[in-house]
């Protein structure tokens, strides 16, 4: 139990740091409302579960052994973040005249679309594979059944990350209610677009430095 608490603390510290997933959670909260944030959080969690399984199966070692594949996946992820950044800036400009998403009312972006967007944004963070691959072995005991340990770690990971993201959603909704929806949403979308473009540039830069 003590080790699970330590594991949860490490995951919480890693999750609290703002990144593309957190930015998307905040953006979706402001665009679609707090009651509709569940698909976004589920999209993040679903990918995290697959990442944890991949780390447990040693997929990270396979990726590291094929640098071209790793760089290719990172480049694709960076391009997707750049696309989301440009879209966020465009929506920020359009929201000054009314709340829209991709030129349509926010309600038209359904839960499946929001889930998939969160899933793919999470997939851009290949670093999480290596983080979990390095973290998991420190909390495993090979003299005990591995399956039950993996299940406990996976469950802790999902609960902690879900709680952190929901906390960001609650905070964004609370601030928006005080400052005014349209102005705050536009400001956050602008900041989000710039941040996503920054993440994209950083990833592209790391790929170029390795080539």
N, C-alpha and C. Protein backbone atom coordinates (compact mmCIF):
# COMPACT_ATOMS: atom_id res chain seq x y z
N UNK A 1 0.83 -1.21 0.00
CA UNK A 1 0.00 0.00 0.00
C UNK A 1 0.86 1.26 0.00
N UNK A 2 1.93 1.25 0.80
CA UNK A 2 2.82 2.42 0.84
C UNK A 2 3.45 2.69 -0.52
N UNK A 3 3.81 1.61 -1.23
CA UNK A 3 4.42 1.79 -2.54
C UNK A 3 3.41 2.36 -3.55
N UNK A 4 2.15 1.96 -3.44
CA UNK A 4 1.13 2.51 -4.33
C UNK A 4 0.94 4.01 -4.07
N UNK A 5 1.04 4.40 -2.81
CA UNK A 5 0.92 5.82 -2.47
C UNK A 5 2.07 6.61 -3.09
N UNK A 6 3.27 6.06 -3.00
CA UNK A 6 4.43 6.72 -3.60
C UNK A 6 4.26 6.79 -5.12
N UNK A 7 3.83 5.68 -5.72
CA UNK A 7 3.60 5.64 -7.17
C UNK A 7 2.56 6.68 -7.57
N UNK A 8 1.48 6.77 -6.81
CA UNK A 8 0.43 7.75 -7.09
C UNK A 8 0.98 9.17 -6.99
N UNK A 9 1.85 9.41 -6.02
CA UNK A 9 2.44 10.74 -5.86
C UNK A 9 3.30 11.12 -7.05
N UNK A 10 4.10 10.16 -7.53
CA UNK A 10 4.96 10.43 -8.69
C UNK A 10 4.11 10.73 -9.92
N UNK A 11 3.07 9.92 -10.13
CA UNK A 11 2.19 10.13 -11.28
C UNK A 11 1.47 11.47 -11.18
N UNK A 12 1.04 11.83 -9.98
CA UNK A 12 0.34 13.10 -9.78
C UNK A 12 1.25 14.27 -10.12
N UNK A 13 2.50 14.22 -9.65
CA UNK A 13 3.44 15.30 -9.94
C UNK A 13 3.70 15.42 -11.43
N UNK A 14 3.80 14.28 -12.11
CA UNK A 14 4.03 14.31 -13.55
C UNK A 14 2.80 14.82 -14.30
N UNK A 15 1.61 14.52 -13.78
CA UNK A 15 0.37 14.90 -14.47
C UNK A 15 0.01 16.36 -14.25
N UNK A 16 0.39 16.92 -13.11
CA UNK A 16 0.03 18.30 -12.79
C UNK A 16 0.72 19.27 -13.74
N UNK A 17 1.93 18.92 -14.19
CA UNK A 17 2.66 19.80 -15.09
C UNK A 17 1.87 19.98 -16.39
N UNK A 18 1.52 21.22 -16.76
CA UNK A 18 0.71 21.44 -17.97
C UNK A 18 1.40 20.94 -19.23
N UNK A 19 0.66 20.24 -20.04
CA UNK A 19 1.15 19.74 -21.31
C UNK A 19 0.00 19.76 -22.31
N UNK A 20 0.19 19.17 -23.49
CA UNK A 20 -0.88 19.16 -24.50
C UNK A 20 -2.19 18.57 -24.00
N UNK A 21 -2.12 17.50 -23.19
CA UNK A 21 -3.35 16.88 -22.70
C UNK A 21 -4.12 17.81 -21.78
N UNK A 22 -3.41 18.47 -20.89
CA UNK A 22 -4.06 19.41 -19.97
C UNK A 22 -4.64 20.58 -20.75
N UNK A 23 -3.90 21.07 -21.73
CA UNK A 23 -4.39 22.18 -22.55
C UNK A 23 -5.69 21.80 -23.25
N UNK A 24 -5.75 20.57 -23.76
CA UNK A 24 -6.95 20.12 -24.44
C UNK A 24 -8.12 20.01 -23.47
N UNK A 25 -7.87 19.50 -22.28
CA UNK A 25 -8.93 19.40 -21.27
C UNK A 25 -9.50 20.77 -20.95
N UNK A 26 -8.64 21.75 -20.76
CA UNK A 26 -9.10 23.11 -20.47
C UNK A 26 -9.87 23.70 -21.65
N UNK A 27 -9.34 23.51 -22.85
CA UNK A 27 -10.01 24.02 -24.04
C UNK A 27 -11.40 23.42 -24.20
N UNK A 28 -11.52 22.11 -24.04
CA UNK A 28 -12.81 21.45 -24.20
C UNK A 28 -13.78 21.86 -23.09
N UNK A 29 -13.26 22.08 -21.90
CA UNK A 29 -14.13 22.54 -20.80
C UNK A 29 -14.74 23.89 -21.15
N UNK A 30 -13.93 24.79 -21.66
CA UNK A 30 -14.40 26.12 -21.98
C UNK A 30 -15.30 26.13 -23.21
N UNK A 31 -15.04 25.25 -24.16
CA UNK A 31 -15.80 25.25 -25.41
C UNK A 31 -17.11 24.49 -25.30
N UNK A 32 -17.11 23.39 -24.53
CA UNK A 32 -18.28 22.52 -24.50
C UNK A 32 -18.97 22.45 -23.14
N UNK A 33 -18.31 22.98 -22.09
CA UNK A 33 -18.90 22.95 -20.76
C UNK A 33 -18.38 21.79 -19.92
N UNK A 34 -18.37 21.98 -18.63
CA UNK A 34 -17.87 20.97 -17.70
C UNK A 34 -18.60 19.63 -17.80
N UNK A 35 -19.93 19.60 -17.95
CA UNK A 35 -20.62 18.30 -18.02
C UNK A 35 -20.22 17.46 -19.23
N UNK A 36 -19.60 18.09 -20.24
CA UNK A 36 -19.24 17.36 -21.45
C UNK A 36 -17.75 17.01 -21.51
N UNK A 37 -17.05 17.15 -20.41
CA UNK A 37 -15.60 16.92 -20.43
C UNK A 37 -15.23 15.45 -20.31
N UNK A 38 -16.18 14.62 -19.93
CA UNK A 38 -15.87 13.20 -19.69
C UNK A 38 -15.24 12.51 -20.90
N UNK A 39 -15.76 12.66 -22.14
CA UNK A 39 -15.11 12.00 -23.28
C UNK A 39 -13.64 12.39 -23.46
N UNK A 40 -13.32 13.65 -23.18
CA UNK A 40 -11.93 14.11 -23.32
C UNK A 40 -11.03 13.40 -22.31
N UNK A 41 -11.49 13.34 -21.07
CA UNK A 41 -10.69 12.67 -20.03
C UNK A 41 -10.57 11.18 -20.32
N UNK A 42 -11.65 10.58 -20.79
CA UNK A 42 -11.60 9.15 -21.14
C UNK A 42 -10.64 8.90 -22.29
N UNK A 43 -10.58 9.83 -23.25
CA UNK A 43 -9.63 9.68 -24.35
C UNK A 43 -8.20 9.70 -23.86
N UNK A 44 -7.90 10.61 -22.94
CA UNK A 44 -6.56 10.66 -22.35
C UNK A 44 -6.24 9.39 -21.58
N UNK A 45 -7.20 8.93 -20.79
CA UNK A 45 -6.98 7.75 -19.95
C UNK A 45 -6.83 6.49 -20.80
N UNK A 46 -7.62 6.38 -21.87
CA UNK A 46 -7.53 5.20 -22.73
C UNK A 46 -6.14 5.05 -23.31
N UNK A 47 -5.60 6.16 -23.80
CA UNK A 47 -4.25 6.10 -24.36
C UNK A 47 -3.22 5.80 -23.28
N UNK A 48 -3.41 6.37 -22.09
CA UNK A 48 -2.48 6.10 -21.00
C UNK A 48 -2.45 4.62 -20.65
N UNK A 49 -3.62 3.99 -20.68
CA UNK A 49 -3.68 2.56 -20.40
C UNK A 49 -2.87 1.79 -21.43
N UNK A 50 -3.03 2.14 -22.71
CA UNK A 50 -2.26 1.46 -23.76
C UNK A 50 -0.77 1.73 -23.61
N UNK A 51 -0.43 2.95 -23.21
CA UNK A 51 0.98 3.30 -22.99
C UNK A 51 1.56 2.46 -21.86
N UNK A 52 0.78 2.31 -20.78
CA UNK A 52 1.25 1.52 -19.65
C UNK A 52 1.45 0.06 -20.06
N UNK A 53 0.52 -0.48 -20.84
CA UNK A 53 0.67 -1.85 -21.33
C UNK A 53 1.90 -1.97 -22.22
N UNK A 54 2.09 -0.98 -23.11
CA UNK A 54 3.25 -0.99 -24.00
C UNK A 54 4.54 -0.95 -23.21
N UNK A 55 4.55 -0.12 -22.17
CA UNK A 55 5.75 -0.03 -21.33
C UNK A 55 6.01 -1.36 -20.64
N UNK A 56 4.94 -2.00 -20.15
CA UNK A 56 5.10 -3.28 -19.47
C UNK A 56 5.60 -4.36 -20.42
N UNK A 57 5.20 -4.27 -21.69
CA UNK A 57 5.59 -5.29 -22.68
C UNK A 57 6.94 -4.99 -23.34
N UNK A 58 7.51 -3.85 -23.00
CA UNK A 58 8.82 -3.52 -23.54
C UNK A 58 8.80 -2.88 -24.91
N UNK A 59 7.66 -2.29 -25.28
CA UNK A 59 7.58 -1.64 -26.59
C UNK A 59 8.55 -0.47 -26.69
N UNK A 60 8.79 0.20 -25.56
CA UNK A 60 9.71 1.33 -25.58
C UNK A 60 11.10 0.90 -26.04
N UNK A 61 11.53 -0.29 -25.60
CA UNK A 61 12.84 -0.79 -26.02
C UNK A 61 12.87 -1.03 -27.53
N UNK A 62 11.75 -1.51 -28.08
CA UNK A 62 11.68 -1.74 -29.52
C UNK A 62 11.78 -0.42 -30.28
N UNK A 63 11.05 0.60 -29.80
CA UNK A 63 11.11 1.90 -30.46
C UNK A 63 12.51 2.49 -30.41
N UNK A 64 13.16 2.36 -29.27
CA UNK A 64 14.51 2.91 -29.14
C UNK A 64 15.49 2.19 -30.06
N UNK A 65 15.22 0.92 -30.36
CA UNK A 65 16.12 0.17 -31.23
C UNK A 65 15.91 0.52 -32.71
N UNK A 66 14.83 1.23 -33.01
CA UNK A 66 14.55 1.66 -34.39
C UNK A 66 14.36 3.17 -34.38
N UNK A 67 15.45 3.93 -34.37
CA UNK A 67 15.35 5.40 -34.25
C UNK A 67 14.49 6.04 -35.33
N UNK A 68 14.54 5.50 -36.56
CA UNK A 68 13.76 6.11 -37.64
C UNK A 68 12.27 6.01 -37.35
N UNK A 69 11.83 4.89 -36.82
CA UNK A 69 10.41 4.73 -36.49
C UNK A 69 10.02 5.69 -35.37
N UNK A 70 10.87 5.80 -34.37
CA UNK A 70 10.59 6.71 -33.26
C UNK A 70 10.50 8.15 -33.75
N UNK A 71 11.48 8.57 -34.57
CA UNK A 71 11.47 9.93 -35.08
C UNK A 71 10.26 10.18 -35.97
N UNK A 72 9.87 9.17 -36.76
CA UNK A 72 8.71 9.32 -37.63
C UNK A 72 7.43 9.53 -36.83
N UNK A 73 7.27 8.75 -35.77
CA UNK A 73 6.09 8.89 -34.93
C UNK A 73 6.08 10.25 -34.23
N UNK A 74 7.25 10.69 -33.80
CA UNK A 74 7.32 12.01 -33.16
C UNK A 74 6.97 13.13 -34.14
N UNK A 75 7.46 13.01 -35.37
CA UNK A 75 7.17 14.04 -36.37
C UNK A 75 5.67 14.11 -36.67
N UNK A 76 5.03 12.94 -36.75
CA UNK A 76 3.58 12.91 -36.98
C UNK A 76 2.85 13.58 -35.81
N UNK A 77 3.28 13.25 -34.60
CA UNK A 77 2.67 13.86 -33.43
C UNK A 77 2.86 15.37 -33.39
N UNK A 78 4.05 15.83 -33.76
CA UNK A 78 4.32 17.27 -33.78
C UNK A 78 3.44 17.97 -34.80
N UNK A 79 3.25 17.34 -35.96
CA UNK A 79 2.40 17.93 -36.99
C UNK A 79 0.96 18.04 -36.49
N UNK A 80 0.50 17.04 -35.76
CA UNK A 80 -0.87 17.08 -35.24
C UNK A 80 -1.03 18.18 -34.19
N UNK A 81 -0.03 18.33 -33.33
CA UNK A 81 -0.08 19.41 -32.35
C UNK A 81 -0.08 20.78 -33.03
N UNK A 82 0.69 20.91 -34.11
CA UNK A 82 0.70 22.17 -34.84
C UNK A 82 -0.68 22.46 -35.43
N UNK A 83 -1.31 21.42 -35.96
CA UNK A 83 -2.66 21.58 -36.51
C UNK A 83 -3.63 22.04 -35.43
N UNK A 84 -3.56 21.42 -34.24
CA UNK A 84 -4.44 21.81 -33.14
C UNK A 84 -4.14 23.24 -32.67
N UNK A 85 -2.86 23.61 -32.67
CA UNK A 85 -2.49 24.96 -32.27
C UNK A 85 -3.06 26.01 -33.20
N UNK A 86 -2.95 25.77 -34.50
CA UNK A 86 -3.50 26.70 -35.48
C UNK A 86 -5.01 26.77 -35.35
N UNK A 87 -5.64 25.61 -35.13
CA UNK A 87 -7.10 25.58 -34.98
C UNK A 87 -7.54 26.35 -33.74
N UNK A 88 -6.78 26.22 -32.64
CA UNK A 88 -7.12 26.94 -31.41
C UNK A 88 -7.02 28.45 -31.63
N UNK A 89 -5.98 28.90 -32.33
CA UNK A 89 -5.83 30.33 -32.60
C UNK A 89 -6.96 30.83 -33.50
N UNK A 90 -7.34 30.02 -34.46
CA UNK A 90 -8.44 30.40 -35.35
C UNK A 90 -9.76 30.49 -34.57
N UNK A 91 -9.98 29.52 -33.69
CA UNK A 91 -11.21 29.54 -32.89
C UNK A 91 -11.22 30.71 -31.92
N UNK A 92 -10.04 31.08 -31.40
CA UNK A 92 -9.97 32.24 -30.51
C UNK A 92 -10.38 33.50 -31.24
N UNK A 93 -9.94 33.63 -32.47
CA UNK A 93 -10.31 34.80 -33.26
C UNK A 93 -11.80 34.79 -33.57
N UNK A 94 -12.34 33.63 -33.93
CA UNK A 94 -13.75 33.53 -34.27
C UNK A 94 -14.65 33.69 -33.06
N UNK A 95 -14.17 33.25 -31.89
CA UNK A 95 -15.02 33.29 -30.70
C UNK A 95 -15.35 34.70 -30.26
N UNK A 96 -14.62 35.67 -30.77
CA UNK A 96 -14.93 37.07 -30.44
C UNK A 96 -16.30 37.46 -30.97
N UNK A 97 -16.73 36.73 -32.01
CA UNK A 97 -18.05 37.03 -32.56
C UNK A 97 -19.09 36.01 -32.19
N UNK A 98 -18.70 34.99 -31.38
CA UNK A 98 -19.63 33.94 -30.98
C UNK A 98 -18.89 32.65 -30.82
N UNK A 99 -19.37 31.77 -29.93
CA UNK A 99 -18.69 30.50 -29.64
C UNK A 99 -18.87 29.54 -30.78
N UNK A 100 -17.75 29.19 -31.43
CA UNK A 100 -17.79 28.23 -32.52
C UNK A 100 -16.62 27.30 -32.40
N UNK A 101 -16.73 26.18 -33.04
CA UNK A 101 -15.65 25.21 -33.12
C UNK A 101 -15.54 24.77 -34.56
N UNK A 102 -14.38 25.08 -35.20
CA UNK A 102 -14.18 24.75 -36.60
C UNK A 102 -15.25 25.40 -37.49
N UNK A 103 -15.70 26.62 -37.07
CA UNK A 103 -16.67 27.31 -37.88
C UNK A 103 -18.09 26.85 -37.66
N UNK A 104 -18.34 25.93 -36.72
CA UNK A 104 -19.66 25.42 -36.45
C UNK A 104 -19.96 25.64 -34.99
N UNK A 105 -21.23 25.57 -34.58
CA UNK A 105 -21.56 25.68 -33.18
C UNK A 105 -20.85 24.61 -32.38
N UNK A 106 -20.46 24.95 -31.14
CA UNK A 106 -19.71 24.02 -30.31
C UNK A 106 -20.44 22.71 -30.13
N UNK A 107 -21.81 22.74 -30.13
CA UNK A 107 -22.56 21.53 -29.87
C UNK A 107 -22.36 20.48 -30.95
N UNK A 108 -21.89 20.90 -32.17
CA UNK A 108 -21.76 19.96 -33.27
C UNK A 108 -20.55 19.04 -33.11
N UNK A 109 -19.61 19.38 -32.23
CA UNK A 109 -18.45 18.52 -31.97
C UNK A 109 -18.88 17.49 -30.94
N UNK A 110 -19.23 16.30 -31.42
CA UNK A 110 -19.82 15.29 -30.55
C UNK A 110 -18.81 14.62 -29.64
N UNK A 111 -19.30 13.78 -28.72
CA UNK A 111 -18.43 13.12 -27.75
C UNK A 111 -17.38 12.21 -28.38
N UNK A 112 -17.76 11.52 -29.46
CA UNK A 112 -16.78 10.62 -30.11
C UNK A 112 -15.63 11.43 -30.68
N UNK A 113 -15.96 12.54 -31.29
CA UNK A 113 -14.91 13.40 -31.86
C UNK A 113 -14.00 13.93 -30.76
N UNK A 114 -14.57 14.35 -29.63
CA UNK A 114 -13.76 14.86 -28.53
C UNK A 114 -12.90 13.76 -27.93
N UNK A 115 -13.47 12.56 -27.83
CA UNK A 115 -12.71 11.41 -27.31
C UNK A 115 -11.51 11.12 -28.20
N UNK A 116 -11.73 11.06 -29.51
CA UNK A 116 -10.65 10.73 -30.44
C UNK A 116 -9.59 11.81 -30.46
N UNK A 117 -10.02 13.06 -30.36
CA UNK A 117 -9.03 14.15 -30.35
C UNK A 117 -8.13 14.03 -29.13
N UNK A 118 -8.72 13.74 -27.96
CA UNK A 118 -7.91 13.57 -26.75
C UNK A 118 -6.99 12.36 -26.88
N UNK A 119 -7.50 11.30 -27.47
CA UNK A 119 -6.70 10.08 -27.64
C UNK A 119 -5.47 10.37 -28.50
N UNK A 120 -5.67 11.08 -29.61
CA UNK A 120 -4.55 11.35 -30.51
C UNK A 120 -3.58 12.38 -29.93
N UNK A 121 -4.09 13.34 -29.17
CA UNK A 121 -3.19 14.28 -28.51
C UNK A 121 -2.31 13.54 -27.51
N UNK A 122 -2.90 12.63 -26.75
CA UNK A 122 -2.12 11.83 -25.81
C UNK A 122 -1.08 10.99 -26.53
N UNK A 123 -1.44 10.51 -27.73
CA UNK A 123 -0.52 9.66 -28.49
C UNK A 123 0.71 10.42 -28.98
N UNK A 124 0.65 11.76 -29.00
CA UNK A 124 1.81 12.52 -29.46
C UNK A 124 2.94 12.51 -28.43
N UNK A 125 2.61 12.14 -27.19
CA UNK A 125 3.61 12.20 -26.11
C UNK A 125 4.29 10.84 -25.95
N UNK A 126 5.23 10.54 -26.87
CA UNK A 126 5.95 9.27 -26.78
C UNK A 126 6.85 9.22 -25.55
N UNK A 127 7.19 10.38 -25.01
CA UNK A 127 8.02 10.38 -23.82
C UNK A 127 7.38 9.68 -22.64
N UNK A 128 6.03 9.65 -22.62
CA UNK A 128 5.35 8.97 -21.51
C UNK A 128 5.60 7.47 -21.53
N UNK A 129 5.83 6.92 -22.72
CA UNK A 129 6.15 5.49 -22.82
C UNK A 129 7.43 5.19 -22.05
N UNK A 130 8.45 6.03 -22.28
CA UNK A 130 9.74 5.80 -21.64
C UNK A 130 9.70 6.15 -20.15
N UNK A 131 8.89 7.15 -19.81
CA UNK A 131 8.73 7.49 -18.40
C UNK A 131 8.13 6.32 -17.63
N UNK A 132 7.05 5.76 -18.15
CA UNK A 132 6.41 4.63 -17.48
C UNK A 132 7.29 3.38 -17.52
N UNK A 133 8.01 3.20 -18.63
CA UNK A 133 8.91 2.04 -18.72
C UNK A 133 10.00 2.10 -17.66
N UNK A 134 10.45 3.31 -17.34
CA UNK A 134 11.47 3.46 -16.30
C UNK A 134 10.86 3.40 -14.90
N UNK A 135 9.60 3.83 -14.80
CA UNK A 135 8.97 3.91 -13.48
C UNK A 135 8.43 2.57 -12.99
N UNK A 136 7.79 1.82 -13.86
CA UNK A 136 7.10 0.59 -13.45
C UNK A 136 8.02 -0.42 -12.75
N UNK A 137 9.21 -0.71 -13.29
CA UNK A 137 10.05 -1.74 -12.65
C UNK A 137 10.40 -1.43 -11.19
N UNK A 138 10.40 -0.17 -10.82
CA UNK A 138 10.73 0.19 -9.44
C UNK A 138 9.64 -0.18 -8.45
N UNK A 139 8.45 -0.52 -8.96
CA UNK A 139 7.33 -0.84 -8.09
C UNK A 139 6.83 -2.28 -8.29
N UNK A 140 7.65 -3.09 -8.96
CA UNK A 140 7.29 -4.48 -9.20
C UNK A 140 8.19 -5.41 -8.38
N UNK A 141 7.58 -6.45 -7.84
CA UNK A 141 8.31 -7.46 -7.10
C UNK A 141 8.14 -8.79 -7.82
N UNK A 142 9.26 -9.31 -8.33
CA UNK A 142 9.17 -10.51 -9.17
C UNK A 142 8.93 -11.78 -8.37
N UNK A 143 8.97 -11.69 -7.06
CA UNK A 143 8.64 -12.85 -6.25
C UNK A 143 7.15 -12.90 -5.93
N UNK A 144 6.38 -11.96 -6.50
CA UNK A 144 4.94 -11.93 -6.33
C UNK A 144 4.27 -11.95 -7.70
N UNK A 145 2.99 -12.35 -7.75
CA UNK A 145 2.28 -12.40 -9.05
C UNK A 145 2.31 -11.05 -9.76
N UNK A 146 2.82 -11.04 -10.99
CA UNK A 146 2.99 -9.78 -11.70
C UNK A 146 1.66 -9.19 -12.16
N UNK A 147 0.72 -10.05 -12.54
CA UNK A 147 -0.54 -9.55 -13.09
C UNK A 147 -1.27 -8.67 -12.08
N UNK A 148 -1.37 -9.12 -10.85
CA UNK A 148 -2.08 -8.34 -9.84
C UNK A 148 -1.36 -7.02 -9.56
N UNK A 149 -0.03 -7.03 -9.64
CA UNK A 149 0.72 -5.79 -9.44
C UNK A 149 0.49 -4.80 -10.58
N UNK A 150 0.50 -5.33 -11.82
CA UNK A 150 0.23 -4.47 -12.96
C UNK A 150 -1.17 -3.86 -12.88
N UNK A 151 -2.15 -4.67 -12.51
CA UNK A 151 -3.52 -4.18 -12.41
C UNK A 151 -3.61 -3.05 -11.38
N UNK A 152 -2.95 -3.24 -10.24
CA UNK A 152 -2.98 -2.21 -9.19
C UNK A 152 -2.31 -0.93 -9.67
N UNK A 153 -1.17 -1.06 -10.36
CA UNK A 153 -0.47 0.13 -10.86
C UNK A 153 -1.28 0.83 -11.95
N UNK A 154 -1.86 0.04 -12.87
CA UNK A 154 -2.67 0.62 -13.93
C UNK A 154 -3.87 1.36 -13.34
N UNK A 155 -4.54 0.75 -12.38
CA UNK A 155 -5.72 1.37 -11.76
C UNK A 155 -5.33 2.68 -11.07
N UNK A 156 -4.20 2.66 -10.38
CA UNK A 156 -3.74 3.88 -9.71
C UNK A 156 -3.43 4.97 -10.72
N UNK A 157 -2.75 4.59 -11.80
CA UNK A 157 -2.42 5.53 -12.87
C UNK A 157 -3.67 6.19 -13.43
N UNK A 158 -4.67 5.39 -13.74
CA UNK A 158 -5.88 5.91 -14.35
C UNK A 158 -6.64 6.83 -13.40
N UNK A 159 -6.76 6.41 -12.14
CA UNK A 159 -7.50 7.22 -11.16
C UNK A 159 -6.81 8.56 -10.92
N UNK A 160 -5.49 8.53 -10.76
CA UNK A 160 -4.76 9.76 -10.45
C UNK A 160 -4.81 10.73 -11.63
N UNK A 161 -4.53 10.25 -12.83
CA UNK A 161 -4.53 11.13 -14.00
C UNK A 161 -5.94 11.67 -14.26
N UNK A 162 -6.94 10.80 -14.13
CA UNK A 162 -8.31 11.27 -14.31
C UNK A 162 -8.68 12.35 -13.32
N UNK A 163 -8.28 12.17 -12.06
CA UNK A 163 -8.59 13.16 -11.02
C UNK A 163 -7.89 14.48 -11.29
N UNK A 164 -6.62 14.43 -11.71
CA UNK A 164 -5.88 15.66 -12.01
C UNK A 164 -6.52 16.42 -13.16
N UNK A 165 -6.87 15.71 -14.21
CA UNK A 165 -7.48 16.37 -15.37
C UNK A 165 -8.85 16.94 -15.03
N UNK A 166 -9.61 16.21 -14.22
CA UNK A 166 -10.92 16.74 -13.83
C UNK A 166 -10.75 17.98 -12.95
N UNK A 167 -9.69 17.99 -12.15
CA UNK A 167 -9.39 19.17 -11.34
C UNK A 167 -9.10 20.38 -12.21
N UNK A 168 -8.35 20.19 -13.29
CA UNK A 168 -8.10 21.29 -14.22
C UNK A 168 -9.40 21.76 -14.85
N UNK A 169 -10.28 20.80 -15.21
CA UNK A 169 -11.55 21.16 -15.82
C UNK A 169 -12.41 21.99 -14.85
N UNK A 170 -12.46 21.57 -13.59
CA UNK A 170 -13.22 22.30 -12.58
C UNK A 170 -12.68 23.72 -12.41
N UNK A 171 -11.35 23.84 -12.36
CA UNK A 171 -10.73 25.15 -12.20
C UNK A 171 -11.04 26.06 -13.38
N UNK A 172 -10.95 25.51 -14.59
CA UNK A 172 -11.22 26.31 -15.78
C UNK A 172 -12.67 26.79 -15.78
N UNK A 173 -13.60 25.89 -15.43
CA UNK A 173 -15.02 26.27 -15.40
C UNK A 173 -15.29 27.33 -14.35
N UNK A 174 -14.62 27.22 -13.19
CA UNK A 174 -14.83 28.18 -12.12
C UNK A 174 -14.32 29.56 -12.51
N UNK A 175 -13.13 29.60 -13.12
CA UNK A 175 -12.57 30.90 -13.53
C UNK A 175 -13.42 31.52 -14.63
N UNK A 176 -13.88 30.71 -15.55
CA UNK A 176 -14.70 31.22 -16.64
C UNK A 176 -15.99 31.85 -16.12
N UNK A 177 -16.59 31.23 -15.12
CA UNK A 177 -17.84 31.75 -14.58
C UNK A 177 -17.64 33.11 -13.91
N UNK A 178 -16.44 33.40 -13.46
CA UNK A 178 -16.16 34.67 -12.79
C UNK A 178 -15.74 35.76 -13.76
N UNK A 179 -14.99 35.39 -14.79
CA UNK A 179 -14.43 36.40 -15.69
C UNK A 179 -15.29 36.66 -16.92
N UNK A 180 -16.23 35.77 -17.18
CA UNK A 180 -17.04 35.93 -18.38
C UNK A 180 -16.62 34.93 -19.43
N UNK A 181 -17.56 34.23 -19.99
CA UNK A 181 -17.28 33.09 -20.86
C UNK A 181 -16.50 33.46 -22.12
N UNK A 182 -17.01 34.43 -22.88
CA UNK A 182 -16.42 34.69 -24.20
C UNK A 182 -15.01 35.23 -24.10
N UNK A 183 -14.80 36.22 -23.24
CA UNK A 183 -13.47 36.82 -23.13
C UNK A 183 -12.45 35.82 -22.60
N UNK A 184 -12.82 35.07 -21.56
CA UNK A 184 -11.88 34.11 -20.98
C UNK A 184 -11.58 32.99 -21.96
N UNK A 185 -12.62 32.50 -22.65
CA UNK A 185 -12.41 31.42 -23.61
C UNK A 185 -11.47 31.86 -24.72
N UNK A 186 -11.66 33.07 -25.21
CA UNK A 186 -10.79 33.56 -26.28
C UNK A 186 -9.35 33.67 -25.81
N UNK A 187 -9.14 34.18 -24.58
CA UNK A 187 -7.78 34.32 -24.05
C UNK A 187 -7.11 32.96 -23.87
N UNK A 188 -7.87 32.00 -23.34
CA UNK A 188 -7.29 30.67 -23.12
C UNK A 188 -7.01 29.97 -24.44
N UNK A 189 -7.90 30.11 -25.40
CA UNK A 189 -7.66 29.49 -26.70
C UNK A 189 -6.43 30.08 -27.38
N UNK A 190 -6.24 31.38 -27.23
CA UNK A 190 -5.04 32.00 -27.79
C UNK A 190 -3.78 31.45 -27.12
N UNK A 191 -3.80 31.41 -25.78
CA UNK A 191 -2.65 30.87 -25.05
C UNK A 191 -2.42 29.40 -25.39
N UNK A 192 -3.52 28.65 -25.52
CA UNK A 192 -3.41 27.23 -25.85
C UNK A 192 -2.81 27.03 -27.23
N UNK A 193 -3.26 27.84 -28.18
CA UNK A 193 -2.73 27.72 -29.54
C UNK A 193 -1.23 27.98 -29.58
N UNK A 194 -0.81 29.03 -28.89
CA UNK A 194 0.62 29.35 -28.84
C UNK A 194 1.40 28.23 -28.16
N UNK A 195 0.84 27.69 -27.06
CA UNK A 195 1.53 26.62 -26.33
C UNK A 195 1.64 25.35 -27.18
N UNK A 196 0.55 24.99 -27.88
CA UNK A 196 0.59 23.80 -28.72
C UNK A 196 1.58 23.94 -29.86
N UNK A 197 1.65 25.13 -30.44
CA UNK A 197 2.64 25.37 -31.49
C UNK A 197 4.06 25.30 -30.91
N UNK A 198 4.21 25.75 -29.65
CA UNK A 198 5.50 25.64 -29.00
C UNK A 198 5.91 24.20 -28.76
N UNK A 199 4.95 23.37 -28.28
CA UNK A 199 5.24 21.95 -28.10
C UNK A 199 5.60 21.30 -29.43
N UNK A 200 4.88 21.66 -30.48
CA UNK A 200 5.16 21.10 -31.80
C UNK A 200 6.56 21.46 -32.27
N UNK A 201 6.93 22.73 -32.11
CA UNK A 201 8.26 23.17 -32.52
C UNK A 201 9.35 22.47 -31.73
N UNK A 202 9.11 22.27 -30.43
CA UNK A 202 10.11 21.60 -29.60
C UNK A 202 10.31 20.15 -30.05
N UNK A 203 9.22 19.47 -30.39
CA UNK A 203 9.32 18.08 -30.84
C UNK A 203 10.02 18.01 -32.18
N UNK A 204 9.62 18.89 -33.11
CA UNK A 204 10.29 18.91 -34.42
C UNK A 204 11.78 19.20 -34.25
N UNK A 205 12.10 20.12 -33.34
CA UNK A 205 13.51 20.45 -33.11
C UNK A 205 14.30 19.27 -32.59
N UNK A 206 13.70 18.50 -31.69
CA UNK A 206 14.41 17.33 -31.15
C UNK A 206 14.63 16.28 -32.24
N UNK A 207 13.65 16.14 -33.15
CA UNK A 207 13.81 15.18 -34.25
C UNK A 207 14.91 15.63 -35.19
N UNK A 208 14.93 16.93 -35.52
CA UNK A 208 15.95 17.45 -36.44
C UNK A 208 17.35 17.33 -35.85
N UNK A 209 17.47 17.51 -34.53
CA UNK A 209 18.79 17.40 -33.91
C UNK A 209 19.33 15.98 -33.95
N UNK A 210 18.44 15.00 -34.00
CA UNK A 210 18.89 13.61 -34.04
C UNK A 210 19.18 13.11 -35.45
N UNK A 211 18.74 13.88 -36.46
CA UNK A 211 18.94 13.44 -37.83
C UNK A 211 20.23 14.01 -38.41
